[in-house]
N, C-alpha and C. Protein backbone atom coordinates (compact mmCIF):
# COMPACT_ATOMS: atom_id res chain seq x y z
N MET A 1 1.20 4.00 9.49
CA MET A 1 1.83 3.39 10.64
C MET A 1 3.26 3.02 10.23
N ARG A 2 4.17 3.25 11.05
CA ARG A 2 5.56 2.94 10.78
C ARG A 2 5.92 1.68 11.55
N ILE A 3 6.53 0.71 10.84
CA ILE A 3 6.98 -0.52 11.47
C ILE A 3 8.36 -0.88 10.91
N THR A 4 9.03 -1.76 11.60
CA THR A 4 10.32 -2.26 11.13
C THR A 4 10.18 -3.77 10.93
N VAL A 5 10.55 -4.22 9.72
CA VAL A 5 10.49 -5.65 9.42
C VAL A 5 11.75 -6.04 8.66
N ASP A 6 12.12 -7.29 8.79
CA ASP A 6 13.26 -7.83 8.04
C ASP A 6 12.72 -8.59 6.83
N ILE A 7 13.05 -8.08 5.63
CA ILE A 7 12.63 -8.70 4.39
C ILE A 7 13.87 -8.83 3.51
N GLU A 8 14.03 -9.99 2.90
CA GLU A 8 15.19 -10.22 2.04
C GLU A 8 15.23 -9.22 0.90
N ASP A 9 16.44 -8.81 0.53
CA ASP A 9 16.61 -7.82 -0.54
C ASP A 9 15.95 -8.26 -1.84
N GLU A 10 16.05 -9.53 -2.16
CA GLU A 10 15.46 -10.04 -3.40
C GLU A 10 13.94 -9.86 -3.41
N ILE A 11 13.32 -10.08 -2.27
CA ILE A 11 11.86 -9.91 -2.17
C ILE A 11 11.49 -8.44 -2.34
N ILE A 12 12.24 -7.55 -1.71
CA ILE A 12 11.98 -6.11 -1.85
C ILE A 12 12.13 -5.68 -3.30
N THR A 13 13.18 -6.16 -3.94
CA THR A 13 13.42 -5.82 -5.34
C THR A 13 12.28 -6.32 -6.21
N ASP A 14 11.83 -7.54 -5.98
CA ASP A 14 10.70 -8.09 -6.73
C ASP A 14 9.43 -7.27 -6.49
N ALA A 15 9.19 -6.91 -5.25
CA ALA A 15 8.00 -6.12 -4.91
C ALA A 15 8.04 -4.77 -5.62
N MET A 16 9.20 -4.14 -5.65
CA MET A 16 9.33 -2.85 -6.32
C MET A 16 9.09 -3.00 -7.83
N GLU A 17 9.61 -4.06 -8.39
CA GLU A 17 9.43 -4.30 -9.82
C GLU A 17 7.97 -4.59 -10.15
N LEU A 18 7.35 -5.45 -9.38
CA LEU A 18 5.96 -5.84 -9.65
C LEU A 18 4.96 -4.73 -9.41
N THR A 19 5.22 -3.88 -8.43
CA THR A 19 4.29 -2.80 -8.14
C THR A 19 4.56 -1.55 -8.96
N GLY A 20 5.75 -1.48 -9.55
CA GLY A 20 6.12 -0.29 -10.32
C GLY A 20 6.58 0.87 -9.46
N GLU A 21 6.77 0.63 -8.19
CA GLU A 21 7.23 1.66 -7.26
C GLU A 21 8.76 1.74 -7.28
N LYS A 22 9.28 2.94 -7.08
CA LYS A 22 10.74 3.14 -7.10
C LYS A 22 11.34 3.13 -5.70
N ASN A 23 10.50 3.21 -4.70
CA ASN A 23 10.97 3.22 -3.32
C ASN A 23 10.40 2.03 -2.56
N LYS A 24 11.11 1.62 -1.53
CA LYS A 24 10.74 0.42 -0.79
C LYS A 24 9.40 0.53 -0.07
N SER A 25 9.22 1.60 0.69
CA SER A 25 8.00 1.72 1.51
C SER A 25 6.72 1.70 0.68
N PRO A 26 6.64 2.50 -0.40
CA PRO A 26 5.42 2.45 -1.20
C PRO A 26 5.20 1.08 -1.85
N ALA A 27 6.30 0.42 -2.23
CA ALA A 27 6.19 -0.91 -2.85
C ALA A 27 5.61 -1.91 -1.86
N ILE A 28 6.11 -1.89 -0.63
CA ILE A 28 5.62 -2.83 0.39
C ILE A 28 4.17 -2.50 0.74
N ALA A 29 3.85 -1.22 0.88
CA ALA A 29 2.48 -0.83 1.21
C ALA A 29 1.52 -1.29 0.12
N LYS A 30 1.89 -1.10 -1.14
CA LYS A 30 1.03 -1.51 -2.25
C LYS A 30 0.89 -3.04 -2.29
N ALA A 31 1.99 -3.75 -2.06
CA ALA A 31 1.95 -5.21 -2.07
C ALA A 31 1.04 -5.74 -0.96
N VAL A 32 1.14 -5.18 0.21
CA VAL A 32 0.30 -5.62 1.33
C VAL A 32 -1.17 -5.30 1.04
N GLU A 33 -1.42 -4.12 0.51
CA GLU A 33 -2.80 -3.73 0.18
C GLU A 33 -3.41 -4.70 -0.83
N GLN A 34 -2.66 -5.03 -1.87
CA GLN A 34 -3.16 -5.96 -2.88
C GLN A 34 -3.38 -7.35 -2.31
N TYR A 35 -2.50 -7.77 -1.42
CA TYR A 35 -2.65 -9.08 -0.78
C TYR A 35 -3.95 -9.13 0.03
N VAL A 36 -4.19 -8.09 0.81
CA VAL A 36 -5.41 -8.04 1.64
C VAL A 36 -6.65 -8.07 0.74
N LYS A 37 -6.64 -7.32 -0.35
CA LYS A 37 -7.79 -7.31 -1.26
C LYS A 37 -8.03 -8.69 -1.85
N ARG A 38 -6.96 -9.37 -2.26
CA ARG A 38 -7.10 -10.71 -2.83
C ARG A 38 -7.65 -11.70 -1.81
N MET A 39 -7.17 -11.60 -0.58
CA MET A 39 -7.65 -12.53 0.44
C MET A 39 -9.10 -12.27 0.78
N ARG A 40 -9.51 -11.00 0.80
CA ARG A 40 -10.93 -10.68 1.05
C ARG A 40 -11.81 -11.18 -0.09
N ALA A 41 -11.35 -11.02 -1.33
CA ALA A 41 -12.11 -11.51 -2.49
C ALA A 41 -12.20 -13.03 -2.44
N LYS A 42 -11.12 -13.68 -2.07
CA LYS A 42 -11.11 -15.14 -1.97
C LYS A 42 -12.11 -15.60 -0.91
N GLU A 43 -12.12 -14.94 0.22
CA GLU A 43 -13.05 -15.29 1.30
C GLU A 43 -14.49 -15.05 0.86
N PHE A 44 -14.74 -13.94 0.16
CA PHE A 44 -16.08 -13.65 -0.34
C PHE A 44 -16.53 -14.75 -1.30
N GLY A 45 -15.66 -15.15 -2.23
CA GLY A 45 -15.99 -16.23 -3.17
C GLY A 45 -16.29 -17.53 -2.45
N LYS A 46 -15.52 -17.82 -1.43
CA LYS A 46 -15.74 -19.04 -0.64
C LYS A 46 -17.12 -18.99 0.02
N ARG A 47 -17.45 -17.85 0.59
CA ARG A 47 -18.74 -17.70 1.25
C ARG A 47 -19.89 -17.82 0.25
N LEU A 48 -19.70 -17.27 -0.95
CA LEU A 48 -20.74 -17.40 -1.99
C LEU A 48 -20.96 -18.87 -2.33
N ARG A 49 -19.87 -19.60 -2.55
CA ARG A 49 -19.98 -21.02 -2.91
C ARG A 49 -20.62 -21.84 -1.80
N GLU A 50 -20.40 -21.45 -0.56
CA GLU A 50 -20.95 -22.18 0.57
C GLU A 50 -22.38 -21.78 0.90
N GLY A 51 -22.92 -20.82 0.15
CA GLY A 51 -24.31 -20.41 0.37
C GLY A 51 -24.49 -19.50 1.57
N PHE A 52 -23.44 -18.82 1.99
CA PHE A 52 -23.52 -17.93 3.14
C PHE A 52 -24.48 -16.76 2.88
N TYR A 53 -24.48 -16.28 1.62
CA TYR A 53 -25.36 -15.18 1.26
C TYR A 53 -26.61 -15.74 0.59
N ASP A 54 -27.75 -15.21 0.94
CA ASP A 54 -29.02 -15.69 0.40
C ASP A 54 -29.53 -14.68 -0.62
N TYR A 55 -29.47 -15.06 -1.88
CA TYR A 55 -30.00 -14.22 -2.94
C TYR A 55 -31.30 -14.84 -3.43
N PRO A 56 -32.44 -14.21 -3.15
CA PRO A 56 -33.72 -14.80 -3.50
C PRO A 56 -34.00 -14.82 -5.00
N SER A 57 -33.38 -13.94 -5.78
CA SER A 57 -33.63 -13.89 -7.22
C SER A 57 -32.63 -14.77 -7.96
N THR A 58 -33.09 -15.35 -9.06
CA THR A 58 -32.19 -16.11 -9.91
C THR A 58 -31.46 -15.15 -10.84
N ASN A 59 -30.42 -15.63 -11.50
CA ASN A 59 -29.68 -14.80 -12.43
C ASN A 59 -30.60 -14.31 -13.56
N SER A 60 -31.45 -15.18 -14.05
CA SER A 60 -32.38 -14.81 -15.13
C SER A 60 -33.33 -13.70 -14.69
N GLU A 61 -33.80 -13.78 -13.46
CA GLU A 61 -34.71 -12.75 -12.93
C GLU A 61 -33.98 -11.42 -12.80
N ILE A 62 -32.76 -11.44 -12.37
CA ILE A 62 -31.98 -10.20 -12.23
C ILE A 62 -31.72 -9.59 -13.60
N GLU A 63 -31.34 -10.41 -14.57
CA GLU A 63 -31.08 -9.91 -15.93
C GLU A 63 -32.35 -9.35 -16.56
N ALA A 64 -33.51 -9.93 -16.24
CA ALA A 64 -34.77 -9.46 -16.79
C ALA A 64 -35.14 -8.06 -16.29
N LEU A 65 -34.60 -7.66 -15.16
CA LEU A 65 -34.89 -6.33 -14.62
C LEU A 65 -34.29 -5.22 -15.48
N GLU A 66 -33.25 -5.53 -16.22
CA GLU A 66 -32.58 -4.58 -17.10
C GLU A 66 -32.20 -3.29 -16.37
N ILE A 67 -31.61 -3.44 -15.21
CA ILE A 67 -31.15 -2.29 -14.44
C ILE A 67 -29.84 -1.80 -15.05
N ILE A 68 -29.77 -0.53 -15.33
CA ILE A 68 -28.57 0.02 -15.94
C ILE A 68 -27.75 0.74 -14.90
């Protein structure tokens, strides 16, 4: 999808440096992708801590299964 956004030059430069990309568009795409992944992982962790998911087995029981 093509969009137009105003982003400060310093932020673009930092994004290119941090992502290792040499062009603006791939750097921004990679930065946004990583941000979304981190936010999804954060939400998943929050849900785990709040007991949203019900895991009937204990950690010891799972380890005893020795599933490879």
